Amino acid sequence: MAAVARREVDRVPARFNGWGEISMKIARHLGLDVSRPDWEIVMYERLGIDMVNGSAWTPPGVEPPDLGPATAPWKDAASVADLNPAWAEFHANPANVSFQHMVEWMRERDQRGNPPALLIKAGMMFGTMRRLRGCEQAMMDLADGNDILNYILDATEQQNVVLLDKAHADLGDRIDLFYFVEELGMQDGLMYPPGMIREHFFPRLKRLFARAHGYRYKVFFHSCGAIRELIPELIELGVDVLNPIQPGGQGMAPEELARDFGGKVCFCGGMDMQRLMPMGKPDEVRKEAERYMRVLAPGYILDYANILHEDIPPENSLAMYAADRMCGG
């Protein structure tokens, strides 16, 4: 959390953004027995991971409404009247979401003597829009600025309000950061015209960020791609940690980010998932990790520039975490 606040750190902190069998592959490479219930905790300790990810849980017996086809169930809707209101009502009901499962989960980690920062994930707004309407129709809705767009974005904003409020009720001050996701960038530029982002996304994000800050949680914001031109506004909106700082995009090199935004926001990520991590050598990975830490720390958290993928050799992940974490401290 010192790094999030851009204060001096004893060492550069690290995050692990992987799960399931891919995580188990790294654990096995470390010689850990993944049949043990605490294998993941031990792996985090061995790698020096300082942050854990958490998310909401649907209580037993609670069933979300059936919207029809799994892919784009509302693709052909012509107006809000054609949408199933049960979807918005379900996500606006606090009884349908819980974080109680995380109370004991966190207690097990805290009792080991090095309590990790807790990052709770919110839901996507336009990502949900694309799932419900299909990508092409969602883009048309965004261009039109129509009632269906506003209905779904308003409902997903309210869903995140419920998530924030319920997380605070269940976990209180044990939460450190809230993780908001809105994919705004492509490899070489923004995914949508900046005017549309400012009109439809930013006001809703600003309200959610303010709500998180009201609970004294830091805002962790994820957007892949070349989003350099939006970073000043994201900082102004209240972003405390910007992730995953995808390399290769114009203006996304760590030296440029440090020059323009050093001391204004904490960066998390940067380790190239397109070439370096899957195809590079462990020594290359280590040197790149040390470059990011040297340039961006103390306002930096070591992490992949996306989710850990199957094609990344465990040796490269281990080399990343074994880099000299003092070089930016």
C-alpha atoms as a PDB file:
ATOM      1  CA  MET A   1       0.000   0.000   0.000  1.00  0.00           C
ATOM      2  CA  ALA A   2       3.033   2.254   0.366  1.00  0.00           C
ATOM      3  CA  ALA A   3       3.673   1.693  -3.339  1.00  0.00           C
ATOM      4  CA  VAL A   4       0.040   2.545  -4.128  1.00  0.00           C
ATOM      5  CA  ALA A   5       0.564   5.829  -2.271  1.00  0.00           C
ATOM      6  CA  ARG A   6       3.887   6.354  -4.131  1.00  0.00           C
ATOM      7  CA  ARG A   7       5.794   6.364  -0.858  1.00  0.00           C
ATOM      8  CA  GLU A   8       9.166   4.785  -0.135  1.00  0.00           C
ATOM      9  CA  VAL A   9       9.006   0.978  -0.056  1.00  0.00           C
ATOM     10  CA  ASP A  10      11.186  -1.673   1.569  1.00  0.00           C
ATOM     11  CA  ARG A  11      10.943  -3.672  -1.676  1.00  0.00           C
ATOM     12  CA  VAL A  12       8.881  -3.477  -4.839  1.00  0.00           C
ATOM     13  CA  PRO A  13       5.590  -5.353  -4.271  1.00  0.00           C
ATOM     14  CA  ALA A  14       4.274  -7.988  -6.653  1.00  0.00           C
ATOM     15  CA  ARG A  15       0.911  -9.325  -7.816  1.00  0.00           C
ATOM     16  CA  PHE A  16       0.049 -12.755  -9.237  1.00  0.00           C
ATOM     17  CA  ASN A  17      -2.694 -12.669 -11.869  1.00  0.00           C
ATOM     18  CA  GLY A  18      -3.383 -16.319 -12.549  1.00  0.00           C
ATOM     19  CA  TRP A  19      -5.529 -19.171 -11.290  1.00  0.00           C
ATOM     20  CA  GLY A  20      -6.529 -22.770 -11.790  1.00  0.00           C
ATOM     21  CA  GLU A  21      -4.335 -25.264 -13.570  1.00  0.00           C
ATOM     22  CA  ILE A  22      -1.969 -22.575 -14.854  1.00  0.00           C
ATOM     23  CA  SER A  23      -1.191 -21.543 -11.280  1.00  0.00           C
ATOM     24  CA  MET A  24      -0.806 -25.172 -10.269  1.00  0.00           C
ATOM     25  CA  LYS A  25       1.788 -25.652 -13.004  1.00  0.00           C
ATOM     26  CA  ILE A  26       3.959 -22.971 -11.400  1.00  0.00           C
ATOM     27  CA  ALA A  27       3.379 -24.453  -7.951  1.00  0.00           C
ATOM     28  CA  ARG A  28       4.454 -27.880  -9.150  1.00  0.00           C
ATOM     29  CA  HIS A  29       7.530 -26.336 -10.735  1.00  0.00           C
ATOM     30  CA  LEU A  30       8.372 -25.000  -7.273  1.00  0.00           C
ATOM     31  CA  GLY A  31       8.023 -28.509  -5.899  1.00  0.00           C
ATOM     32  CA  LEU A  32       4.794 -27.822  -4.019  1.00  0.00           C
ATOM     33  CA  ASP A  33       2.119 -30.444  -3.374  1.00  0.00           C
ATOM     34  CA  VAL A  34      -1.057 -28.987  -4.921  1.00  0.00           C
ATOM     35  CA  SER A  35      -3.193 -31.541  -3.050  1.00  0.00           C
ATOM     36  CA  ARG A  36      -2.505 -29.562   0.137  1.00  0.00           C
ATOM     37  CA  PRO A  37      -5.258 -27.057   0.952  1.00  0.00           C
ATOM     38  CA  ASP A  38      -2.704 -24.290   1.540  1.00  0.00           C
ATOM     39  CA  TRP A  39      -0.618 -24.810  -1.617  1.00  0.00           C
ATOM     40  CA  GLU A  40      -1.591 -21.443  -3.102  1.00  0.00           C
ATOM     41  CA  ILE A  41      -0.744 -19.568   0.101  1.00  0.00           C
ATOM     42  CA  VAL A  42       2.660 -21.254   0.196  1.00  0.00           C
ATOM     43  CA  MET A  43       3.250 -20.446  -3.489  1.00  0.00           C
ATOM     44  CA  TYR A  44       2.453 -16.783  -2.851  1.00  0.00           C
ATOM     45  CA  GLU A  45       4.914 -16.759   0.038  1.00  0.00           C
ATOM     46  CA  ARG A  46       7.635 -18.394  -2.046  1.00  0.00           C
ATOM     47  CA  LEU A  47       7.155 -15.871  -4.876  1.00  0.00           C
ATOM     48  CA  GLY A  48       6.872 -12.846  -2.590  1.00  0.00           C
ATOM     49  CA  ILE A  49       3.332 -11.930  -3.669  1.00  0.00           C
ATOM     50  CA  ASP A  50       1.848  -9.011  -1.733  1.00  0.00           C
ATOM     51  CA  MET A  51      -1.724  -8.850  -3.063  1.00  0.00           C
ATOM     52  CA  VAL A  52      -4.612 -11.297  -3.377  1.00  0.00           C
ATOM     53  CA  ASN A  53      -7.646 -11.064  -5.639  1.00  0.00           C
ATOM     54  CA  GLY A  54     -11.204 -11.557  -4.410  1.00  0.00           C
ATOM     55  CA  SER A  55     -14.645 -11.484  -5.982  1.00  0.00           C
ATOM     56  CA  ALA A  56     -18.320 -11.835  -5.159  1.00  0.00           C
ATOM     57  CA  TRP A  57     -20.114 -15.116  -4.597  1.00  0.00           C
ATOM     58  CA  THR A  58     -23.731 -16.007  -5.348  1.00  0.00           C
ATOM     59  CA  PRO A  59     -25.288 -17.577  -2.236  1.00  0.00           C
ATOM     60  CA  PRO A  60     -26.543 -21.194  -2.479  1.00  0.00           C
ATOM     61  CA  GLY A  61     -30.050 -21.504  -3.855  1.00  0.00           C
ATOM     62  CA  VAL A  62     -29.913 -18.158  -5.659  1.00  0.00           C
ATOM     63  CA  GLU A  63     -30.396 -18.513  -9.404  1.00  0.00           C
ATOM     64  CA  PRO A  64     -29.925 -15.641 -11.877  1.00  0.00           C
ATOM     65  CA  PRO A  65     -32.732 -15.088 -14.369  1.00  0.00           C
ATOM     66  CA  ASP A  66     -32.691 -17.079 -17.591  1.00  0.00           C
ATOM     67  CA  LEU A  67     -32.026 -14.564 -20.375  1.00  0.00           C
ATOM     68  CA  GLY A  68     -32.165 -17.101 -23.182  1.00  0.00           C
ATOM     69  CA  PRO A  69     -29.193 -17.835 -25.484  1.00  0.00           C
ATOM     70  CA  ALA A  70     -25.797 -17.662 -23.789  1.00  0.00           C
ATOM     71  CA  THR A  71     -24.398 -15.486 -26.580  1.00  0.00           C
ATOM     72  CA  ALA A  72     -25.915 -12.029 -27.088  1.00  0.00           C
ATOM     73  CA  PRO A  73     -29.414 -12.823 -25.738  1.00  0.00           C
ATOM     74  CA  TRP A  74     -30.573  -9.237 -26.309  1.00  0.00           C
ATOM     75  CA  LYS A  75     -29.042  -8.766 -29.736  1.00  0.00           C
ATOM     76  CA  ASP A  76     -32.355  -8.246 -31.542  1.00  0.00           C
ATOM     77  CA  ALA A  77     -34.065  -6.032 -28.975  1.00  0.00           C
ATOM     78  CA  ALA A  78     -35.392  -2.838 -30.583  1.00  0.00           C
ATOM     79  CA  SER A  79     -36.143  -0.927 -27.367  1.00  0.00           C
ATOM     80  CA  VAL A  80     -35.839  -1.134 -23.594  1.00  0.00           C
ATOM     81  CA  ALA A  81     -39.338  -2.634 -23.526  1.00  0.00           C
ATOM     82  CA  ASP A  82     -37.897  -5.737 -25.234  1.00  0.00           C
ATOM     83  CA  LEU A  83     -35.378  -6.368 -22.426  1.00  0.00           C
ATOM     84  CA  ASN A  84     -36.012  -8.674 -19.494  1.00  0.00           C
ATOM     85  CA  PRO A  85     -36.218  -6.429 -16.398  1.00  0.00           C
ATOM     86  CA  ALA A  86     -35.470  -9.424 -14.144  1.00  0.00           C
ATOM     87  CA  TRP A  87     -31.785  -9.111 -15.086  1.00  0.00           C
ATOM     88  CA  ALA A  88     -31.403  -5.591 -13.697  1.00  0.00           C
ATOM     89  CA  GLU A  89     -33.590  -6.407 -10.685  1.00  0.00           C
ATOM     90  CA  PHE A  90     -31.475  -9.459  -9.832  1.00  0.00           C
ATOM     91  CA  HIS A  91     -28.203  -7.522  -9.849  1.00  0.00           C
ATOM     92  CA  ALA A  92     -29.704  -4.622  -7.879  1.00  0.00           C
ATOM     93  CA  ASN A  93     -30.697  -6.948  -5.015  1.00  0.00           C
ATOM     94  CA  PRO A  94     -28.019  -7.157  -2.269  1.00  0.00           C
ATOM     95  CA  ALA A  95     -29.404 -10.552  -1.207  1.00  0.00           C
ATOM     96  CA  ASN A  96     -28.054 -12.044  -4.426  1.00  0.00           C
ATOM     97  CA  VAL A  97     -24.393 -11.323  -3.699  1.00  0.00           C
ATOM     98  CA  SER A  98     -22.079 -12.123  -0.803  1.00  0.00           C
ATOM     99  CA  PHE A  99     -18.457 -11.784   0.264  1.00  0.00           C
ATOM    100  CA  GLN A 100     -18.837 -13.835   3.445  1.00  0.00           C
ATOM    101  CA  HIS A 101     -16.840 -16.684   1.878  1.00  0.00           C
ATOM    102  CA  MET A 102     -13.798 -14.418   1.944  1.00  0.00           C
ATOM    103  CA  VAL A 103     -13.799 -13.745   5.695  1.00  0.00           C
ATOM    104  CA  GLU A 104     -12.207 -17.065   6.675  1.00  0.00           C
ATOM    105  CA  TRP A 105     -10.219 -17.154   3.413  1.00  0.00           C
ATOM    106  CA  MET A 106      -8.499 -13.907   4.389  1.00  0.00           C
ATOM    107  CA  ARG A 107      -8.114 -14.921   8.025  1.00  0.00           C
ATOM    108  CA  GLU A 108      -6.034 -17.930   6.938  1.00  0.00           C
ATOM    109  CA  ARG A 109      -3.694 -15.613   5.028  1.00  0.00           C
ATOM    110  CA  ASP A 110      -3.496 -12.924   7.681  1.00  0.00           C
ATOM    111  CA  GLN A 111      -2.606 -15.375  10.434  1.00  0.00           C
ATOM    112  CA  ARG A 112       0.606 -16.377   8.656  1.00  0.00           C
ATOM    113  CA  GLY A 113       2.239 -13.106   9.664  1.00  0.00           C
ATOM    114  CA  ASN A 114       2.409 -11.174   6.384  1.00  0.00           C
ATOM    115  CA  PRO A 115      -1.131  -9.973   5.611  1.00  0.00           C
ATOM    116  CA  PRO A 116      -1.577  -9.330   1.868  1.00  0.00           C
ATOM    117  CA  ALA A 117      -3.377  -6.385   0.355  1.00  0.00           C
ATOM    118  CA  LEU A 118      -6.906  -7.415  -0.659  1.00  0.00           C
ATOM    119  CA  LEU A 119      -8.176  -6.440  -4.113  1.00  0.00           C
ATOM    120  CA  ILE A 120     -11.919  -6.948  -4.769  1.00  0.00           C
ATOM    121  CA  LYS A 121     -13.118  -7.079  -8.357  1.00  0.00           C
ATOM    122  CA  ALA A 122     -16.114  -5.116  -9.602  1.00  0.00           C
ATOM    123  CA  GLY A 123     -18.060  -5.879 -12.787  1.00  0.00           C
ATOM    124  CA  MET A 124     -17.526  -4.492 -16.272  1.00  0.00           C
ATOM    125  CA  MET A 125     -20.057  -2.057 -17.667  1.00  0.00           C
ATOM    126  CA  PHE A 126     -19.569  -1.958 -21.437  1.00  0.00           C
ATOM    127  CA  GLY A 127     -18.104  -5.474 -21.266  1.00  0.00           C
ATOM    128  CA  THR A 128     -21.514  -6.601 -19.988  1.00  0.00           C
ATOM    129  CA  MET A 129     -23.128  -4.586 -22.768  1.00  0.00           C
ATOM    130  CA  ARG A 130     -21.096  -6.477 -25.369  1.00  0.00           C
ATOM    131  CA  ARG A 131     -22.042  -9.813 -23.798  1.00  0.00           C
ATOM    132  CA  LEU A 132     -25.759  -9.027 -23.765  1.00  0.00           C
ATOM    133  CA  ARG A 133     -26.003  -7.329 -27.155  1.00  0.00           C
ATOM    134  CA  GLY A 134     -23.112  -8.845 -29.078  1.00  0.00           C
ATOM    135  CA  CYS A 135     -20.055  -6.791 -29.986  1.00  0.00           C
ATOM    136  CA  GLU A 136     -21.356  -5.362 -33.266  1.00  0.00           C
ATOM    137  CA  GLN A 137     -24.744  -4.290 -31.905  1.00  0.00           C
ATOM    138  CA  ALA A 138     -23.159  -2.896 -28.729  1.00  0.00           C
ATOM    139  CA  MET A 139     -20.900  -0.722 -30.884  1.00  0.00           C
ATOM    140  CA  MET A 140     -23.918   0.514 -32.819  1.00  0.00           C
ATOM    141  CA  ASP A 141     -25.698   1.312 -29.556  1.00  0.00           C
ATOM    142  CA  LEU A 142     -22.655   3.250 -28.366  1.00  0.00           C
ATOM    143  CA  ALA A 143     -22.579   5.227 -31.610  1.00  0.00           C
ATOM    144  CA  ASP A 144     -26.300   5.982 -31.284  1.00  0.00           C
ATOM    145  CA  GLY A 145     -26.206   6.741 -27.565  1.00  0.00           C
ATOM    146  CA  ASN A 146     -29.624   5.082 -27.408  1.00  0.00           C
ATOM    147  CA  ASP A 147     -31.891   4.081 -24.515  1.00  0.00           C
ATOM    148  CA  ILE A 148     -30.725   0.456 -24.530  1.00  0.00           C
ATOM    149  CA  LEU A 149     -27.119   1.600 -24.031  1.00  0.00           C
ATOM    150  CA  ASN A 150     -28.072   3.821 -21.118  1.00  0.00           C
ATOM    151  CA  TYR A 151     -30.330   1.189 -19.565  1.00  0.00           C
ATOM    152  CA  ILE A 152     -27.597  -1.477 -19.519  1.00  0.00           C
ATOM    153  CA  LEU A 153     -24.836   0.903 -18.428  1.00  0.00           C
ATOM    154  CA  ASP A 154     -27.032   2.297 -15.659  1.00  0.00           C
ATOM    155  CA  ALA A 155     -27.906  -1.233 -14.513  1.00  0.00           C
ATOM    156  CA  THR A 156     -24.253  -2.320 -14.458  1.00  0.00           C
ATOM    157  CA  GLU A 157     -23.316   0.821 -12.556  1.00  0.00           C
ATOM    158  CA  GLN A 158     -25.992  -0.020  -9.975  1.00  0.00           C
ATOM    159  CA  GLN A 159     -24.694  -3.604  -9.847  1.00  0.00           C
ATOM    160  CA  ASN A 160     -21.269  -2.243  -8.916  1.00  0.00           C
ATOM    161  CA  VAL A 161     -22.805   0.011  -6.265  1.00  0.00           C
ATOM    162  CA  VAL A 162     -24.366  -3.120  -4.735  1.00  0.00           C
ATOM    163  CA  LEU A 163     -21.017  -4.947  -4.941  1.00  0.00           C
ATOM    164  CA  LEU A 164     -19.195  -2.095  -3.225  1.00  0.00           C
ATOM    165  CA  ASP A 165     -21.785  -1.747  -0.481  1.00  0.00           C
ATOM    166  CA  LYS A 166     -22.013  -5.495   0.162  1.00  0.00           C
ATOM    167  CA  ALA A 167     -18.224  -5.917   0.133  1.00  0.00           C
ATOM    168  CA  HIS A 168     -17.946  -3.183   2.737  1.00  0.00           C
ATOM    169  CA  ALA A 169     -20.703  -4.733   4.838  1.00  0.00           C
ATOM    170  CA  ASP A 170     -19.052  -8.176   4.774  1.00  0.00           C
ATOM    171  CA  LEU A 171     -15.346  -7.288   4.861  1.00  0.00           C
ATOM    172  CA  GLY A 172     -15.212  -3.686   6.043  1.00  0.00           C
ATOM    173  CA  ASP A 173     -11.774  -2.136   6.360  1.00  0.00           C
ATOM    174  CA  ARG A 174     -10.023  -5.412   5.464  1.00  0.00           C
ATOM    175  CA  ILE A 175     -10.419  -4.446   1.800  1.00  0.00           C
ATOM    176  CA  ASP A 176      -7.562  -2.348   0.458  1.00  0.00           C
ATOM    177  CA  LEU A 177      -8.425  -1.811  -3.207  1.00  0.00           C
ATOM    178  CA  PHE A 178     -11.395  -2.143  -5.558  1.00  0.00           C
ATOM    179  CA  TYR A 179     -10.674  -3.425  -9.061  1.00  0.00           C
ATOM    180  CA  PHE A 180     -12.622  -1.770 -11.903  1.00  0.00           C
ATOM    181  CA  VAL A 181     -12.317  -3.024 -15.488  1.00  0.00           C
ATOM    182  CA  GLU A 182     -13.256  -1.181 -18.663  1.00  0.00           C
ATOM    183  CA  GLU A 183     -11.322  -2.098 -21.783  1.00  0.00           C
ATOM    184  CA  LEU A 184     -10.653   1.173 -23.592  1.00  0.00           C
ATOM    185  CA  GLY A 185      -7.627   0.447 -25.765  1.00  0.00           C
ATOM    186  CA  MET A 186      -6.422  -1.598 -28.700  1.00  0.00           C
ATOM    187  CA  GLN A 187      -2.861  -2.383 -29.718  1.00  0.00           C
ATOM    188  CA  ASP A 188      -2.344   0.954 -31.447  1.00  0.00           C
ATOM    189  CA  GLY A 189      -4.985   3.289 -30.077  1.00  0.00           C
ATOM    190  CA  LEU A 190      -8.336   3.667 -28.345  1.00  0.00           C
ATOM    191  CA  MET A 191     -11.128   1.163 -28.884  1.00  0.00           C
ATOM    192  CA  TYR A 192     -13.800   3.881 -29.040  1.00  0.00           C
ATOM    193  CA  PRO A 193     -13.777   7.563 -29.973  1.00  0.00           C
ATOM    194  CA  PRO A 194     -12.575   9.549 -26.952  1.00  0.00           C
ATOM    195  CA  GLY A 195     -15.724  11.677 -26.980  1.00  0.00           C
ATOM    196  CA  MET A 196     -17.885   8.587 -26.469  1.00  0.00           C
ATOM    197  CA  ILE A 197     -15.640   7.389 -23.633  1.00  0.00           C
ATOM    198  CA  ARG A 198     -15.957  10.767 -21.936  1.00  0.00           C
ATOM    199  CA  GLU A 199     -19.715  10.909 -22.415  1.00  0.00           C
ATOM    200  CA  HIS A 200     -20.785   7.382 -21.519  1.00  0.00           C
ATOM    201  CA  PHE A 201     -18.002   5.755 -19.476  1.00  0.00           C
ATOM    202  CA  PHE A 202     -16.225   8.427 -17.459  1.00  0.00           C
ATOM    203  CA  PRO A 203     -19.206   9.904 -15.547  1.00  0.00           C
ATOM    204  CA  ARG A 204     -20.224   6.432 -14.349  1.00  0.00           C
ATOM    205  CA  LEU A 205     -16.677   5.476 -13.464  1.00  0.00           C
ATOM    206  CA  LYS A 206     -16.218   8.739 -11.573  1.00  0.00           C
ATOM    207  CA  ARG A 207     -19.250   8.002  -9.397  1.00  0.00           C
ATOM    208  CA  LEU A 208     -18.048   4.466  -8.674  1.00  0.00           C
ATOM    209  CA  PHE A 209     -14.509   5.623  -7.899  1.00  0.00           C
ATOM    210  CA  ALA A 210     -15.903   8.215  -5.487  1.00  0.00           C
ATOM    211  CA  ARG A 211     -17.990   5.554  -3.761  1.00  0.00           C
ATOM    212  CA  ALA A 212     -14.937   3.322  -3.349  1.00  0.00           C
ATOM    213  CA  HIS A 213     -12.927   6.240  -1.987  1.00  0.00           C
ATOM    214  CA  GLY A 214     -15.788   6.976   0.409  1.00  0.00           C
ATOM    215  CA  TYR A 215     -15.116   3.576   1.965  1.00  0.00           C
ATOM    216  CA  ARG A 216     -11.397   4.457   2.036  1.00  0.00           C
ATOM    217  CA  TYR A 217     -10.605   1.868  -0.657  1.00  0.00           C
ATOM    218  CA  LYS A 218      -8.035   2.641  -3.328  1.00  0.00           C
ATOM    219  CA  VAL A 219      -9.138   2.433  -6.971  1.00  0.00           C
ATOM    220  CA  PHE A 220      -7.356  -0.160  -9.115  1.00  0.00           C
ATOM    221  CA  PHE A 221      -8.309   0.358 -12.776  1.00  0.00           C
ATOM    222  CA  HIS A 222      -7.633  -2.069 -15.628  1.00  0.00           C
ATOM    223  CA  SER A 223      -7.615  -1.269 -19.320  1.00  0.00           C
ATOM    224  CA  CYS A 224      -5.418  -2.961 -21.878  1.00  0.00           C
ATOM    225  CA  GLY A 225      -4.094  -1.219 -24.940  1.00  0.00           C
ATOM    226  CA  ALA A 226      -2.615   2.110 -25.927  1.00  0.00           C
ATOM    227  CA  ILE A 227      -4.576   4.418 -23.608  1.00  0.00           C
ATOM    228  CA  ARG A 228      -1.864   7.066 -23.120  1.00  0.00           C
ATOM    229  CA  GLU A 229      -4.119   9.987 -24.058  1.00  0.00           C
ATOM    230  CA  LEU A 230      -6.669   9.035 -21.374  1.00  0.00           C
ATOM    231  CA  ILE A 231      -4.257   8.626 -18.462  1.00  0.00           C
ATOM    232  CA  PRO A 232      -4.441  12.280 -17.285  1.00  0.00           C
ATOM    233  CA  GLU A 233      -8.238  12.060 -17.153  1.00  0.00           C
ATOM    234  CA  LEU A 234      -8.199   8.662 -15.432  1.00  0.00           C
ATOM    235  CA  ILE A 235      -5.970  10.131 -12.729  1.00  0.00           C
ATOM    236  CA  GLU A 236      -8.333  13.095 -12.392  1.00  0.00           C
ATOM    237  CA  LEU A 237     -11.295  10.694 -12.110  1.00  0.00           C
ATOM    238  CA  GLY A 238      -9.638   9.055  -9.114  1.00  0.00           C
ATOM    239  CA  VAL A 239      -7.559   6.109 -10.349  1.00  0.00           C
ATOM    240  CA  ASP A 240      -4.910   5.175  -7.757  1.00  0.00           C
ATOM    241  CA  VAL A 241      -3.415   2.146  -9.576  1.00  0.00           C
ATOM    242  CA  LEU A 242      -3.341   1.794 -13.369  1.00  0.00           C
ATOM    243  CA  ASN A 243      -3.073  -1.719 -14.813  1.00  0.00           C
ATOM    244  CA  PRO A 244      -1.803  -3.508 -16.932  1.00  0.00           C
ATOM    245  CA  ILE A 245       0.272  -0.822 -18.788  1.00  0.00           C
ATOM    246  CA  GLN A 246       0.452  -2.975 -21.927  1.00  0.00           C
ATOM    247  CA  PRO A 247       3.854  -2.414 -23.558  1.00  0.00           C
ATOM    248  CA  GLY A 248       4.256  -1.734 -27.248  1.00  0.00           C
ATOM    249  CA  GLY A 249       1.499   0.832 -27.539  1.00  0.00           C
ATOM    250  CA  GLN A 250       2.365   4.419 -28.366  1.00  0.00           C
ATOM    251  CA  GLY A 251       3.342   6.329 -25.230  1.00  0.00           C
ATOM    252  CA  MET A 252       3.179   3.260 -22.967  1.00  0.00           C
ATOM    253  CA  ALA A 253       6.927   2.728 -22.432  1.00  0.00           C
ATOM    254  CA  PRO A 254       7.792   2.890 -18.713  1.00  0.00           C
ATOM    255  CA  GLU A 255      10.240   5.748 -19.234  1.00  0.00           C
ATOM    256  CA  GLU A 256       7.518   7.875 -20.832  1.00  0.00           C
ATOM    257  CA  LEU A 257       5.007   6.970 -18.120  1.00  0.00           C
ATOM    258  CA  ALA A 258       7.511   7.850 -15.396  1.00  0.00           C
ATOM    259  CA  ARG A 259       8.351  11.160 -17.072  1.00  0.00           C
ATOM    260  CA  ASP A 260       4.735  12.251 -17.477  1.00  0.00           C
ATOM    261  CA  PHE A 261       2.931  10.638 -14.545  1.00  0.00           C
ATOM    262  CA  GLY A 262       5.530   9.669 -11.968  1.00  0.00           C
ATOM    263  CA  GLY A 263       4.256  10.449  -8.490  1.00  0.00           C
ATOM    264  CA  LYS A 264       0.683  10.923  -9.737  1.00  0.00           C
ATOM    265  CA  VAL A 265      -0.461   7.288 -10.015  1.00  0.00           C
ATOM    266  CA  CYS A 266       0.845   3.827  -9.162  1.00  0.00           C
ATOM    267  CA  PHE A 267       1.474   1.528 -12.139  1.00  0.00           C
ATOM    268  CA  CYS A 268       0.935  -2.237 -12.059  1.00  0.00           C
ATOM    269  CA  GLY A 269       2.023  -4.618 -14.815  1.00  0.00           C
ATOM    270  CA  GLY A 270       4.067  -4.000 -17.917  1.00  0.00           C
ATOM    271  CA  MET A 271       5.660  -7.427 -18.348  1.00  0.00           C
ATOM    272  CA  ASP A 272       5.074  -8.189 -22.039  1.00  0.00           C
ATOM    273  CA  MET A 273       2.677 -11.109 -22.616  1.00  0.00           C
ATOM    274  CA  GLN A 274       2.930 -11.092 -26.404  1.00  0.00           C
ATOM    275  CA  ARG A 275       6.603 -11.888 -26.898  1.00  0.00           C
ATOM    276  CA  LEU A 276       8.819 -11.653 -23.827  1.00  0.00           C
ATOM    277  CA  MET A 277       6.961 -13.832 -21.318  1.00  0.00           C
ATOM    278  CA  PRO A 278       6.017 -16.670 -23.700  1.00  0.00           C
ATOM    279  CA  MET A 279       9.110 -16.633 -25.948  1.00  0.00           C
ATOM    280  CA  GLY A 280      11.898 -14.845 -24.092  1.00  0.00           C
ATOM    281  CA  LYS A 281      14.642 -16.346 -21.952  1.00  0.00           C
ATOM    282  CA  PRO A 282      14.537 -16.180 -18.136  1.00  0.00           C
ATOM    283  CA  ASP A 283      17.459 -13.756 -18.039  1.00  0.00           C
ATOM    284  CA  GLU A 284      15.668 -11.430 -20.472  1.00  0.00           C
ATOM    285  CA  VAL A 285      12.569 -11.561 -18.267  1.00  0.00           C
ATOM    286  CA  ARG A 286      14.566 -10.768 -15.141  1.00  0.00           C
ATOM    287  CA  LYS A 287      16.275  -7.792 -16.802  1.00  0.00           C
ATOM    288  CA  GLU A 288      12.966  -6.408 -18.070  1.00  0.00           C
ATOM    289  CA  ALA A 289      11.386  -6.755 -14.627  1.00  0.00           C
ATOM    290  CA  GLU A 290      14.303  -4.847 -13.121  1.00  0.00           C
ATOM    291  CA  ARG A 291      13.961  -2.177 -15.795  1.00  0.00           C
ATOM    292  CA  TYR A 292      10.298  -1.592 -14.851  1.00  0.00           C
ATOM    293  CA  MET A 293      11.088  -1.502 -11.153  1.00  0.00           C
ATOM    294  CA  ARG A 294      14.070   0.804 -11.619  1.00  0.00           C
ATOM    295  CA  VAL A 295      12.087   3.236 -13.795  1.00  0.00           C
ATOM    296  CA  LEU A 296       8.657   3.260 -12.112  1.00  0.00           C
ATOM    297  CA  ALA A 297       9.167   2.402  -8.434  1.00  0.00           C
ATOM    298  CA  PRO A 298       8.284   3.293  -5.756  1.00  0.00           C
ATOM    299  CA  GLY A 299       4.887   3.813  -7.452  1.00  0.00           C
ATOM    300  CA  TYR A 300       4.967   0.405  -9.114  1.00  0.00           C
ATOM    301  CA  ILE A 301       3.675  -3.152  -8.561  1.00  0.00           C
ATOM    302  CA  LEU A 302       5.412  -5.949 -10.463  1.00  0.00           C
ATOM    303  CA  ASP A 303       2.921  -7.914 -12.569  1.00  0.00           C
ATOM    304  CA  TYR A 304       2.188  -9.440 -15.951  1.00  0.00           C
ATOM    305  CA  ALA A 305       0.714  -7.097 -18.558  1.00  0.00           C
ATOM    306  CA  ASN A 306      -2.388  -9.310 -18.582  1.00  0.00           C
ATOM    307  CA  ILE A 307      -3.644 -12.622 -17.200  1.00  0.00           C
ATOM    308  CA  LEU A 308      -1.093 -15.420 -16.879  1.00  0.00           C
ATOM    309  CA  HIS A 309      -1.408 -17.540 -20.049  1.00  0.00           C
ATOM    310  CA  GLU A 310      -0.847 -21.241 -20.658  1.00  0.00           C
ATOM    311  CA  ASP A 311       1.957 -20.569 -23.156  1.00  0.00           C
ATOM    312  CA  ILE A 312       4.231 -18.872 -20.598  1.00  0.00           C
ATOM    313  CA  PRO A 313       6.951 -21.239 -19.320  1.00  0.00           C
ATOM    314  CA  PRO A 314       7.022 -21.480 -15.509  1.00  0.00           C
ATOM    315  CA  GLU A 315      10.732 -20.626 -15.666  1.00  0.00           C
ATOM    316  CA  ASN A 316       9.870 -17.184 -17.046  1.00  0.00           C
ATOM    317  CA  SER A 317       7.299 -16.469 -14.340  1.00  0.00           C
ATOM    318  CA  LEU A 318       9.789 -17.523 -11.680  1.00  0.00           C
ATOM    319  CA  ALA A 319      12.476 -15.326 -13.256  1.00  0.00           C
ATOM    320  CA  MET A 320      10.133 -12.343 -13.092  1.00  0.00           C
ATOM    321  CA  TYR A 321       9.471 -12.788  -9.382  1.00  0.00           C
ATOM    322  CA  ALA A 322      13.137 -13.623  -8.652  1.00  0.00           C
ATOM    323  CA  ALA A 323      14.330 -10.284 -10.095  1.00  0.00           C
ATOM    324  CA  ASP A 324      16.036  -7.871  -7.709  1.00  0.00           C
ATOM    325  CA  ARG A 325      13.032  -6.307  -5.984  1.00  0.00           C
ATOM    326  CA  MET A 326      15.288  -3.823  -4.206  1.00  0.00           C
ATOM    327  CA  CYS A 327      16.357  -2.137  -7.432  1.00  0.00           C
ATOM    328  CA  GLY A 328      13.370   0.197  -7.264  1.00  0.00           C
ATOM    329  CA  GLY A 329      13.055   0.348  -3.490  1.00  0.00           C
END
